[in-house]
Amino acid sequence: ETENNYSLINQLFLSKSFEKQVIACMLLERYYY
């Protein structure tokens, strides 16, 4: 769901892990619309 996708992206960014933030970027790129 869109809300869950947004929440997941937030969680990955908040982790401050480089790799998790890269994955957050990948998800944001795929679902930004």
Full PDB file with SEQRES, HELIX, SHEET, SSBOND, CRYST1, ORIGX, SCALE, CONECT and MASTER records, all heavy atoms in Angstrom:
SEQRES   1 A   33  GLU THR GLU ASN ASN TYR SER LEU ILE ASN GLN LEU PHE          
SEQRES   2 A   33  LEU SER LYS SER PHE GLU LYS GLN VAL ILE ALA CYS MET          
SEQRES   3 A   33  LEU LEU GLU ARG TYR TYR TYR                                  
HELIX    1 AA1 THR A    2  LEU A   14  1                                  13    
HELIX    2 AA2 PHE A   18  TYR A   31  1                                  14    
CRYST1    1.000    1.000    1.000  90.00  90.00  90.00 P 1           1          
ORIGX1      1.000000  0.000000  0.000000        0.00000                         
ORIGX2      0.000000  1.000000  0.000000        0.00000                         
ORIGX3      0.000000  0.000000  1.000000        0.00000                         
SCALE1      1.000000  0.000000  0.000000        0.00000                         
SCALE2      0.000000  1.000000  0.000000        0.00000                         
SCALE3      0.000000  0.000000  1.000000        0.00000                         
ATOM      1  N   GLU A   1       0.846  -1.198   0.000  1.00  0.00           N  
ATOM      2  CA  GLU A   1       0.000   0.000   0.000  1.00  0.00           C  
ATOM      3  C   GLU A   1       0.878   1.244   0.000  1.00  0.00           C  
ATOM      4  O   GLU A   1       1.979   1.238   0.559  1.00  0.00           O  
ATOM      5  CB  GLU A   1      -0.905   0.019   1.238  1.00  0.00           C  
ATOM      6  CG  GLU A   1      -1.909  -1.104   1.291  1.00  0.00           C  
ATOM      7  CD  GLU A   1      -2.987  -0.968   0.247  1.00  0.00           C  
ATOM      8  OE1 GLU A   1      -3.380   0.184  -0.065  1.00  0.00           O  
ATOM      9  OE2 GLU A   1      -3.431  -2.005  -0.271  1.00  0.00           O  
ATOM     10  N   THR A   2       0.379   2.318  -0.593  1.00  0.00           N  
ATOM     11  CA  THR A   2       1.137   3.565  -0.710  1.00  0.00           C  
ATOM     12  C   THR A   2       1.638   4.047   0.645  1.00  0.00           C  
ATOM     13  O   THR A   2       2.807   4.418   0.774  1.00  0.00           O  
ATOM     14  CB  THR A   2       0.273   4.652  -1.387  1.00  0.00           C  
ATOM     15  OG1 THR A   2      -0.090   4.179  -2.684  1.00  0.00           O  
ATOM     16  CG2 THR A   2       1.019   5.957  -1.510  1.00  0.00           C  
ATOM     17  N   GLU A   3       0.771   4.039   1.667  1.00  0.00           N  
ATOM     18  CA  GLU A   3       1.190   4.505   3.000  1.00  0.00           C  
ATOM     19  C   GLU A   3       2.314   3.644   3.552  1.00  0.00           C  
ATOM     20  O   GLU A   3       3.241   4.136   4.197  1.00  0.00           O  
ATOM     21  CB  GLU A   3       0.032   4.476   4.026  1.00  0.00           C  
ATOM     22  CG  GLU A   3      -1.283   5.022   3.593  1.00  0.00           C  
ATOM     23  CD  GLU A   3      -2.117   4.047   2.754  1.00  0.00           C  
ATOM     24  OE1 GLU A   3      -2.362   2.899   3.156  1.00  0.00           O  
ATOM     25  OE2 GLU A   3      -2.493   4.460   1.657  1.00  0.00           O  
ATOM     26  N   ASN A   4       2.227   2.346   3.322  1.00  0.00           N  
ATOM     27  CA  ASN A   4       3.269   1.438   3.807  1.00  0.00           C  
ATOM     28  C   ASN A   4       4.569   1.636   3.035  1.00  0.00           C  
ATOM     29  O   ASN A   4       5.655   1.557   3.605  1.00  0.00           O  
ATOM     30  CB  ASN A   4       2.811  -0.013   3.696  1.00  0.00           C  
ATOM     31  CG  ASN A   4       1.732  -0.356   4.703  1.00  0.00           C  
ATOM     32  OD1 ASN A   4       1.581   0.318   5.719  1.00  0.00           O  
ATOM     33  ND2 ASN A   4       0.971  -1.371   4.408  1.00  0.00           N  
ATOM     34  N   ASN A   5       4.455   1.876   1.749  1.00  0.00           N  
ATOM     35  CA  ASN A   5       5.629   2.146   0.942  1.00  0.00           C  
ATOM     36  C   ASN A   5       6.348   3.398   1.452  1.00  0.00           C  
ATOM     37  O   ASN A   5       7.559   3.414   1.610  1.00  0.00           O  
ATOM     38  CB  ASN A   5       5.211   2.336  -0.526  1.00  0.00           C  
ATOM     39  CG  ASN A   5       6.081   1.576  -1.464  1.00  0.00           C  
ATOM     40  OD1 ASN A   5       7.271   1.488  -1.261  1.00  0.00           O  
ATOM     41  ND2 ASN A   5       5.478   1.041  -2.502  1.00  0.00           N  
ATOM     42  N   TYR A   6       5.561   4.437   1.703  1.00  0.00           N  
ATOM     43  CA  TYR A   6       6.112   5.691   2.221  1.00  0.00           C  
ATOM     44  C   TYR A   6       6.754   5.461   3.590  1.00  0.00           C  
ATOM     45  O   TYR A   6       7.860   5.935   3.861  1.00  0.00           O  
ATOM     46  CB  TYR A   6       4.993   6.735   2.301  1.00  0.00           C  
ATOM     47  CG  TYR A   6       5.457   8.142   2.515  1.00  0.00           C  
ATOM     48  CD1 TYR A   6       6.011   8.879   1.472  1.00  0.00           C  
ATOM     49  CD2 TYR A   6       5.333   8.763   3.754  1.00  0.00           C  
ATOM     50  CE1 TYR A   6       6.427  10.183   1.653  1.00  0.00           C  
ATOM     51  CE2 TYR A   6       5.748  10.063   3.942  1.00  0.00           C  
ATOM     52  CZ  TYR A   6       6.288  10.769   2.893  1.00  0.00           C  
ATOM     53  OH  TYR A   6       6.707  12.068   3.074  1.00  0.00           O  
ATOM     54  N   SER A   7       6.090   4.692   4.440  1.00  0.00           N  
ATOM     55  CA  SER A   7       6.617   4.393   5.772  1.00  0.00           C  
ATOM     56  C   SER A   7       7.920   3.594   5.679  1.00  0.00           C  
ATOM     57  O   SER A   7       8.877   3.860   6.416  1.00  0.00           O  
ATOM     58  CB  SER A   7       5.568   3.608   6.562  1.00  0.00           C  
ATOM     59  OG  SER A   7       6.053   3.251   7.820  1.00  0.00           O  
ATOM     60  N   LEU A   8       7.968   2.635   4.767  1.00  0.00           N  
ATOM     61  CA  LEU A   8       9.173   1.829   4.576  1.00  0.00           C  
ATOM     62  C   LEU A   8      10.332   2.707   4.119  1.00  0.00           C  
ATOM     63  O   LEU A   8      11.447   2.606   4.645  1.00  0.00           O  
ATOM     64  CB  LEU A   8       8.911   0.705   3.566  1.00  0.00           C  
ATOM     65  CG  LEU A   8      10.098  -0.185   3.218  1.00  0.00           C  
ATOM     66  CD1 LEU A   8      10.623  -0.909   4.453  1.00  0.00           C  
ATOM     67  CD2 LEU A   8       9.690  -1.177   2.133  1.00  0.00           C  
ATOM     68  N   ILE A   9      10.081   3.567   3.159  1.00  0.00           N  
ATOM     69  CA  ILE A   9      11.120   4.477   2.675  1.00  0.00           C  
ATOM     70  C   ILE A   9      11.631   5.348   3.823  1.00  0.00           C  
ATOM     71  O   ILE A   9      12.842   5.523   3.987  1.00  0.00           O  
ATOM     72  CB  ILE A   9      10.584   5.328   1.495  1.00  0.00           C  
ATOM     73  CG1 ILE A   9      10.406   4.436   0.264  1.00  0.00           C  
ATOM     74  CG2 ILE A   9      11.513   6.500   1.194  1.00  0.00           C  
ATOM     75  CD1 ILE A   9       9.613   5.055  -0.863  1.00  0.00           C  
ATOM     76  N   ASN A  10      10.722   5.867   4.640  1.00  0.00           N  
ATOM     77  CA  ASN A  10      11.126   6.669   5.800  1.00  0.00           C  
ATOM     78  C   ASN A  10      11.999   5.867   6.749  1.00  0.00           C  
ATOM     79  O   ASN A  10      13.030   6.357   7.217  1.00  0.00           O  
ATOM     80  CB  ASN A  10       9.905   7.186   6.554  1.00  0.00           C  
ATOM     81  CG  ASN A  10       9.250   8.354   5.892  1.00  0.00           C  
ATOM     82  OD1 ASN A  10       9.931   9.226   5.371  1.00  0.00           O  
ATOM     83  ND2 ASN A  10       7.940   8.388   5.908  1.00  0.00           N  
ATOM     84  N   GLN A  11      11.587   4.643   7.054  1.00  0.00           N  
ATOM     85  CA  GLN A  11      12.350   3.803   7.979  1.00  0.00           C  
ATOM     86  C   GLN A  11      13.762   3.550   7.451  1.00  0.00           C  
ATOM     87  O   GLN A  11      14.731   3.569   8.210  1.00  0.00           O  
ATOM     88  CB  GLN A  11      11.635   2.473   8.218  1.00  0.00           C  
ATOM     89  CG  GLN A  11      10.376   2.588   9.026  1.00  0.00           C  
ATOM     90  CD  GLN A  11      10.637   3.182  10.400  1.00  0.00           C  
ATOM     91  OE1 GLN A  11      11.581   2.792  11.103  1.00  0.00           O  
ATOM     92  NE2 GLN A  11       9.825   4.148  10.783  1.00  0.00           N  
ATOM     93  N   LEU A  12      13.868   3.312   6.168  1.00  0.00           N  
ATOM     94  CA  LEU A  12      15.183   3.038   5.580  1.00  0.00           C  
ATOM     95  C   LEU A  12      16.078   4.276   5.631  1.00  0.00           C  
ATOM     96  O   LEU A  12      17.265   4.174   5.942  1.00  0.00           O  
ATOM     97  CB  LEU A  12      15.031   2.530   4.145  1.00  0.00           C  
ATOM     98  CG  LEU A  12      14.380   1.154   4.024  1.00  0.00           C  
ATOM     99  CD1 LEU A  12      14.051   0.849   2.571  1.00  0.00           C  
ATOM    100  CD2 LEU A  12      15.253   0.072   4.626  1.00  0.00           C  
ATOM    101  N   PHE A  13      15.516   5.450   5.340  1.00  0.00           N  
ATOM    102  CA  PHE A  13      16.314   6.670   5.446  1.00  0.00           C  
ATOM    103  C   PHE A  13      16.735   6.919   6.892  1.00  0.00           C  
ATOM    104  O   PHE A  13      17.876   7.284   7.154  1.00  0.00           O  
ATOM    105  CB  PHE A  13      15.551   7.884   4.923  1.00  0.00           C  
ATOM    106  CG  PHE A  13      15.642   8.075   3.441  1.00  0.00           C  
ATOM    107  CD1 PHE A  13      14.499   8.227   2.681  1.00  0.00           C  
ATOM    108  CD2 PHE A  13      16.865   8.116   2.785  1.00  0.00           C  
ATOM    109  CE1 PHE A  13      14.569   8.407   1.302  1.00  0.00           C  
ATOM    110  CE2 PHE A  13      16.958   8.286   1.416  1.00  0.00           C  
ATOM    111  CZ  PHE A  13      15.799   8.442   0.675  1.00  0.00           C  
ATOM    112  N   LEU A  14      15.817   6.721   7.830  1.00  0.00           N  
ATOM    113  CA  LEU A  14      16.109   6.998   9.242  1.00  0.00           C  
ATOM    114  C   LEU A  14      17.167   6.067   9.820  1.00  0.00           C  
ATOM    115  O   LEU A  14      17.783   6.394  10.838  1.00  0.00           O  
ATOM    116  CB  LEU A  14      14.822   6.919  10.066  1.00  0.00           C  
ATOM    117  CG  LEU A  14      13.853   8.066   9.850  1.00  0.00           C  
ATOM    118  CD1 LEU A  14      12.506   7.780  10.531  1.00  0.00           C  
ATOM    119  CD2 LEU A  14      14.429   9.386  10.350  1.00  0.00           C  
ATOM    120  N   SER A  15      17.391   4.942   9.194  1.00  0.00           N  
ATOM    121  CA  SER A  15      18.378   3.994   9.713  1.00  0.00           C  
ATOM    122  C   SER A  15      19.787   4.561   9.698  1.00  0.00           C  
ATOM    123  O   SER A  15      20.637   4.114  10.442  1.00  0.00           O  
ATOM    124  CB  SER A  15      18.357   2.710   8.883  1.00  0.00           C  
ATOM    125  OG  SER A  15      18.974   2.947   7.631  1.00  0.00           O  
ATOM    126  N   LYS A  16      20.062   5.536   8.824  1.00  0.00           N  
ATOM    127  CA  LYS A  16      21.371   6.146   8.632  1.00  0.00           C  
ATOM    128  C   LYS A  16      22.427   5.154   8.128  1.00  0.00           C  
ATOM    129  O   LYS A  16      23.608   5.426   8.139  1.00  0.00           O  
ATOM    130  CB  LYS A  16      21.855   6.863   9.885  1.00  0.00           C  
ATOM    131  CG  LYS A  16      20.992   8.057  10.249  1.00  0.00           C  
ATOM    132  CD  LYS A  16      21.664   8.911  11.269  1.00  0.00           C  
ATOM    133  CE  LYS A  16      20.818  10.135  11.563  1.00  0.00           C  
ATOM    134  NZ  LYS A  16      21.482  11.075  12.428  1.00  0.00           N  
ATOM    135  N   SER A  17      21.963   4.012   7.665  1.00  0.00           N  
ATOM    136  CA  SER A  17      22.855   3.042   7.021  1.00  0.00           C  
ATOM    137  C   SER A  17      22.945   3.416   5.550  1.00  0.00           C  
ATOM    138  O   SER A  17      21.929   3.627   4.884  1.00  0.00           O  
ATOM    139  CB  SER A  17      22.262   1.636   7.154  1.00  0.00           C  
ATOM    140  OG  SER A  17      22.719   0.790   6.124  1.00  0.00           O  
ATOM    141  N   PHE A  18      24.158   3.492   5.033  1.00  0.00           N  
ATOM    142  CA  PHE A  18      24.354   3.830   3.637  1.00  0.00           C  
ATOM    143  C   PHE A  18      23.562   2.886   2.730  1.00  0.00           C  
ATOM    144  O   PHE A  18      22.833   3.313   1.844  1.00  0.00           O  
ATOM    145  CB  PHE A  18      25.845   3.795   3.286  1.00  0.00           C  
ATOM    146  CG  PHE A  18      26.115   3.936   1.818  1.00  0.00           C  
ATOM    147  CD1 PHE A  18      25.864   5.129   1.164  1.00  0.00           C  
ATOM    148  CD2 PHE A  18      26.615   2.867   1.087  1.00  0.00           C  
ATOM    149  CE1 PHE A  18      26.103   5.264  -0.199  1.00  0.00           C  
ATOM    150  CE2 PHE A  18      26.856   2.987  -0.269  1.00  0.00           C  
ATOM    151  CZ  PHE A  18      26.600   4.195  -0.916  1.00  0.00           C  
ATOM    152  N   GLU A  19      23.685   1.597   2.950  1.00  0.00           N  
ATOM    153  CA  GLU A  19      23.022   0.620   2.098  1.00  0.00           C  
ATOM    154  C   GLU A  19      21.498   0.726   2.185  1.00  0.00           C  
ATOM    155  O   GLU A  19      20.806   0.623   1.175  1.00  0.00           O  
ATOM    156  CB  GLU A  19      23.474  -0.803   2.456  1.00  0.00           C  
ATOM    157  CG  GLU A  19      24.902  -1.111   2.050  1.00  0.00           C  
ATOM    158  CD  GLU A  19      25.964  -0.640   3.049  1.00  0.00           C  
ATOM    159  OE1 GLU A  19      25.611   0.012   4.057  1.00  0.00           O  
ATOM    160  OE2 GLU A  19      27.150  -0.917   2.813  1.00  0.00           O  
ATOM    161  N   LYS A  20      20.975   0.936   3.379  1.00  0.00           N  
ATOM    162  CA  LYS A  20      19.519   1.074   3.520  1.00  0.00           C  
ATOM    163  C   LYS A  20      19.033   2.362   2.863  1.00  0.00           C  
ATOM    164  O   LYS A  20      17.950   2.387   2.260  1.00  0.00           O  
ATOM    165  CB  LYS A  20      19.116   1.037   4.990  1.00  0.00           C  
ATOM    166  CG  LYS A  20      19.252  -0.347   5.593  1.00  0.00           C  
ATOM    167  CD  LYS A  20      18.857  -0.365   7.039  1.00  0.00           C  
ATOM    168  CE  LYS A  20      19.072  -1.746   7.629  1.00  0.00           C  
ATOM    169  NZ  LYS A  20      18.753  -1.793   9.062  1.00  0.00           N  
ATOM    170  N   GLN A  21      19.831   3.417   2.934  1.00  0.00           N  
ATOM    171  CA  GLN A  21      19.434   4.658   2.276  1.00  0.00           C  
ATOM    172  C   GLN A  21      19.484   4.505   0.757  1.00  0.00           C  
ATOM    173  O   GLN A  21      18.653   5.070   0.050  1.00  0.00           O  
ATOM    174  CB  GLN A  21      20.280   5.835   2.763  1.00  0.00           C  
ATOM    175  CG  GLN A  21      19.913   6.249   4.176  1.00  0.00           C  
ATOM    176  CD  GLN A  21      20.585   7.528   4.625  1.00  0.00           C  
ATOM    177  OE1 GLN A  21      21.497   8.042   3.992  1.00  0.00           O  
ATOM    178  NE2 GLN A  21      20.129   8.045   5.757  1.00  0.00           N  
ATOM    179  N   VAL A  22      20.411   3.726   0.238  1.00  0.00           N  
ATOM    180  CA  VAL A  22      20.443   3.458  -1.208  1.00  0.00           C  
ATOM    181  C   VAL A  22      19.168   2.703  -1.609  1.00  0.00           C  
ATOM    182  O   VAL A  22      18.538   3.022  -2.619  1.00  0.00           O  
ATOM    183  CB  VAL A  22      21.708   2.664  -1.620  1.00  0.00           C  
ATOM    184  CG1 VAL A  22      21.611   2.173  -3.065  1.00  0.00           C  
ATOM    185  CG2 VAL A  22      22.954   3.513  -1.428  1.00  0.00           C  
ATOM    186  N   ILE A  23      18.770   1.723  -0.816  1.00  0.00           N  
ATOM    187  CA  ILE A  23      17.542   0.977  -1.104  1.00  0.00           C  
ATOM    188  C   ILE A  23      16.332   1.909  -1.017  1.00  0.00           C  
ATOM    189  O   ILE A  23      15.425   1.835  -1.853  1.00  0.00           O  
ATOM    190  CB  ILE A  23      17.405  -0.252  -0.178  1.00  0.00           C  
ATOM    191  CG1 ILE A  23      18.481  -1.291  -0.547  1.00  0.00           C  
ATOM    192  CG2 ILE A  23      16.010  -0.858  -0.261  1.00  0.00           C  
ATOM    193  CD1 ILE A  23      18.592  -2.464   0.405  1.00  0.00           C  
ATOM    194  N   ALA A  24      16.327   2.820  -0.046  1.00  0.00           N  
ATOM    195  CA  ALA A  24      15.242   3.809   0.046  1.00  0.00           C  
ATOM    196  C   ALA A  24      15.179   4.645  -1.231  1.00  0.00           C  
ATOM    197  O   ALA A  24      14.097   4.917  -1.762  1.00  0.00           O  
ATOM    198  CB  ALA A  24      15.431   4.709   1.264  1.00  0.00           C  
ATOM    199  N   CYS A  25      16.344   5.030  -1.749  1.00  0.00           N  
ATOM    200  CA  CYS A  25      16.402   5.783  -3.015  1.00  0.00           C  
ATOM    201  C   CYS A  25      15.830   4.961  -4.163  1.00  0.00           C  
ATOM    202  O   CYS A  25      15.104   5.489  -5.012  1.00  0.00           O  
ATOM    203  CB  CYS A  25      17.833   6.190  -3.347  1.00  0.00           C  
ATOM    204  SG  CYS A  25      18.526   7.427  -2.259  1.00  0.00           S  
ATOM    205  N   MET A  26      16.156   3.675  -4.198  1.00  0.00           N  
ATOM    206  CA  MET A  26      15.645   2.807  -5.255  1.00  0.00           C  
ATOM    207  C   MET A  26      14.123   2.696  -5.179  1.00  0.00           C  
ATOM    208  O   MET A  26      13.437   2.735  -6.208  1.00  0.00           O  
ATOM    209  CB  MET A  26      16.289   1.418  -5.161  1.00  0.00           C  
ATOM    210  CG  MET A  26      17.779   1.407  -5.450  1.00  0.00           C  
ATOM    211  SD  MET A  26      18.535  -0.216  -5.191  1.00  0.00           S  
ATOM    212  CE  MET A  26      17.872  -1.130  -6.590  1.00  0.00           C  
ATOM    213  N   LEU A  27      13.602   2.567  -3.971  1.00  0.00           N  
ATOM    214  CA  LEU A  27      12.148   2.486  -3.797  1.00  0.00           C  
ATOM    215  C   LEU A  27      11.488   3.821  -4.149  1.00  0.00           C  
ATOM    216  O   LEU A  27      10.434   3.839  -4.792  1.00  0.00           O  
ATOM    217  CB  LEU A  27      11.808   2.082  -2.360  1.00  0.00           C  
ATOM    218  CG  LEU A  27      12.185   0.654  -1.973  1.00  0.00           C  
ATOM    219  CD1 LEU A  27      12.034   0.442  -0.476  1.00  0.00           C  
ATOM    220  CD2 LEU A  27      11.355  -0.361  -2.762  1.00  0.00           C  
ATOM    221  N   LEU A  28      12.101   4.912  -3.740  1.00  0.00           N  
ATOM    222  CA  LEU A  28      11.566   6.231  -4.060  1.00  0.00           C  
ATOM    223  C   LEU A  28      11.561   6.450  -5.569  1.00  0.00           C  
ATOM    224  O   LEU A  28      10.586   6.961  -6.128  1.00  0.00           O  
ATOM    225  CB  LEU A  28      12.388   7.311  -3.350  1.00  0.00           C  
ATOM    226  CG  LEU A  28      11.857   8.722  -3.378  1.00  0.00           C  
ATOM    227  CD1 LEU A  28      10.457   8.812  -2.792  1.00  0.00           C  
ATOM    228  CD2 LEU A  28      12.802   9.639  -2.598  1.00  0.00           C  
ATOM    229  N   GLU A  29      12.626   6.029  -6.232  1.00  0.00           N  
ATOM    230  CA  GLU A  29      12.692   6.154  -7.692  1.00  0.00           C  
ATOM    231  C   GLU A  29      11.582   5.349  -8.357  1.00  0.00           C  
ATOM    232  O   GLU A  29      10.958   5.797  -9.314  1.00  0.00           O  
ATOM    233  CB  GLU A  29      14.055   5.655  -8.184  1.00  0.00           C  
ATOM    234  CG  GLU A  29      14.202   5.643  -9.683  1.00  0.00           C  
ATOM    235  CD  GLU A  29      15.514   5.031 -10.152  1.00  0.00           C  
ATOM    236  OE1 GLU A  29      16.335   4.608  -9.312  1.00  0.00           O  
ATOM    237  OE2 GLU A  29      15.713   4.976 -11.369  1.00  0.00           O  
ATOM    238  N   ARG A  30      11.303   4.171  -7.838  1.00  0.00           N  
ATOM    239  CA  ARG A  30      10.288   3.303  -8.445  1.00  0.00           C  
ATOM    240  C   ARG A  30       8.862   3.786  -8.160  1.00  0.00           C  
ATOM    241  O   ARG A  30       7.980   3.631  -9.006  1.00  0.00           O  
ATOM    242  CB  ARG A  30      10.457   1.875  -7.937  1.00  0.00           C  
ATOM    243  CG  ARG A  30       9.537   0.878  -8.606  1.00  0.00           C  
ATOM    244  CD  ARG A  30       9.907  -0.529  -8.192  1.00  0.00           C  
ATOM    245  NE  ARG A  30       9.016  -1.525  -8.734  1.00  0.00           N  
ATOM    246  CZ  ARG A  30       9.279  -2.266  -9.810  1.00  0.00           C  
ATOM    247  NH1 ARG A  30      10.405  -2.108 -10.450  1.00  0.00           N  
ATOM    248  NH2 ARG A  30       8.426  -3.159 -10.230  1.00  0.00           N  
ATOM    249  N   TYR A  31       8.616   4.359  -6.979  1.00  0.00           N  
ATOM    250  CA  TYR A  31       7.249   4.672  -6.558  1.00  0.00           C  
ATOM    251  C   TYR A  31       6.977   6.152  -6.347  1.00  0.00           C  
ATOM    252  O   TYR A  31       5.941   6.509  -5.797  1.00  0.00           O  
ATOM    253  CB  TYR A  31       6.919   3.909  -5.270  1.00  0.00           C  
ATOM    254  CG  TYR A  31       7.049   2.416  -5.439  1.00  0.00           C  
ATOM    255  CD1 TYR A  31       8.070   1.717  -4.821  1.00  0.00           C  
ATOM    256  CD2 TYR A  31       6.165   1.718  -6.262  1.00  0.00           C  
ATOM    257  CE1 TYR A  31       8.198   0.342  -5.002  1.00  0.00           C  
ATOM    258  CE2 TYR A  31       6.289   0.352  -6.442  1.00  0.00           C  
ATOM    259  CZ  TYR A  31       7.306  -0.327  -5.808  1.00  0.00           C  
ATOM    260  OH  TYR A  31       7.432  -1.669  -5.999  1.00  0.00           O  
ATOM    261  N   TYR A  32       7.877   7.029  -6.778  1.00  0.00           N  
ATOM    262  CA  TYR A  32       7.695   8.460  -6.526  1.00  0.00           C  
ATOM    263  C   TYR A  32       6.334   8.969  -7.006  1.00  0.00           C  
ATOM    264  O   TYR A  32       5.750   9.855  -6.390  1.00  0.00           O  
ATOM    265  CB  TYR A  32       8.814   9.280  -7.193  1.00  0.00           C  
ATOM    266  CG  TYR A  32       8.643   9.441  -8.682  1.00  0.00           C  
ATOM    267  CD1 TYR A  32       8.022  10.564  -9.194  1.00  0.00           C  
ATOM    268  CD2 TYR A  32       9.074   8.457  -9.559  1.00  0.00           C  
ATOM    269  CE1 TYR A  32       7.828  10.697 -10.565  1.00  0.00           C  
ATOM    270  CE2 TYR A  32       8.895   8.590 -10.914  1.00  0.00           C  
ATOM    271  CZ  TYR A  32       8.267   9.702 -11.416  1.00  0.00           C  
ATOM    272  OH  TYR A  32       8.066   9.838 -12.745  1.00  0.00           O  
ATOM    273  N   TYR A  33       5.827   8.416  -8.079  1.00  0.00           N  
ATOM    274  CA  TYR A  33       4.566   8.876  -8.655  1.00  0.00           C  
ATOM    275  C   TYR A  33       3.368   8.622  -7.730  1.00  0.00           C  
ATOM    276  O   TYR A  33       2.313   9.221  -7.891  1.00  0.00           O  
ATOM    277  CB  TYR A  33       4.330   8.205 -10.018  1.00  0.00           C  
ATOM    278  CG  TYR A  33       4.160   6.704  -9.914  1.00  0.00           C  
ATOM    279  CD1 TYR A  33       2.902   6.142  -9.728  1.00  0.00           C  
ATOM    280  CD2 TYR A  33       5.259   5.854  -9.974  1.00  0.00           C  
ATOM    281  CE1 TYR A  33       2.744   4.776  -9.599  1.00  0.00           C  
ATOM    282  CE2 TYR A  33       5.117   4.499  -9.859  1.00  0.00           C  
ATOM    283  CZ  TYR A  33       3.852   3.959  -9.667  1.00  0.00           C  
ATOM    284  OH  TYR A  33       3.699   2.603  -9.543  1.00  0.00           O  
TER     285      TYR A  33                                                      
MASTER        0    0    0    2    0    0    0    6  284    1    0    3          
END                                                                             
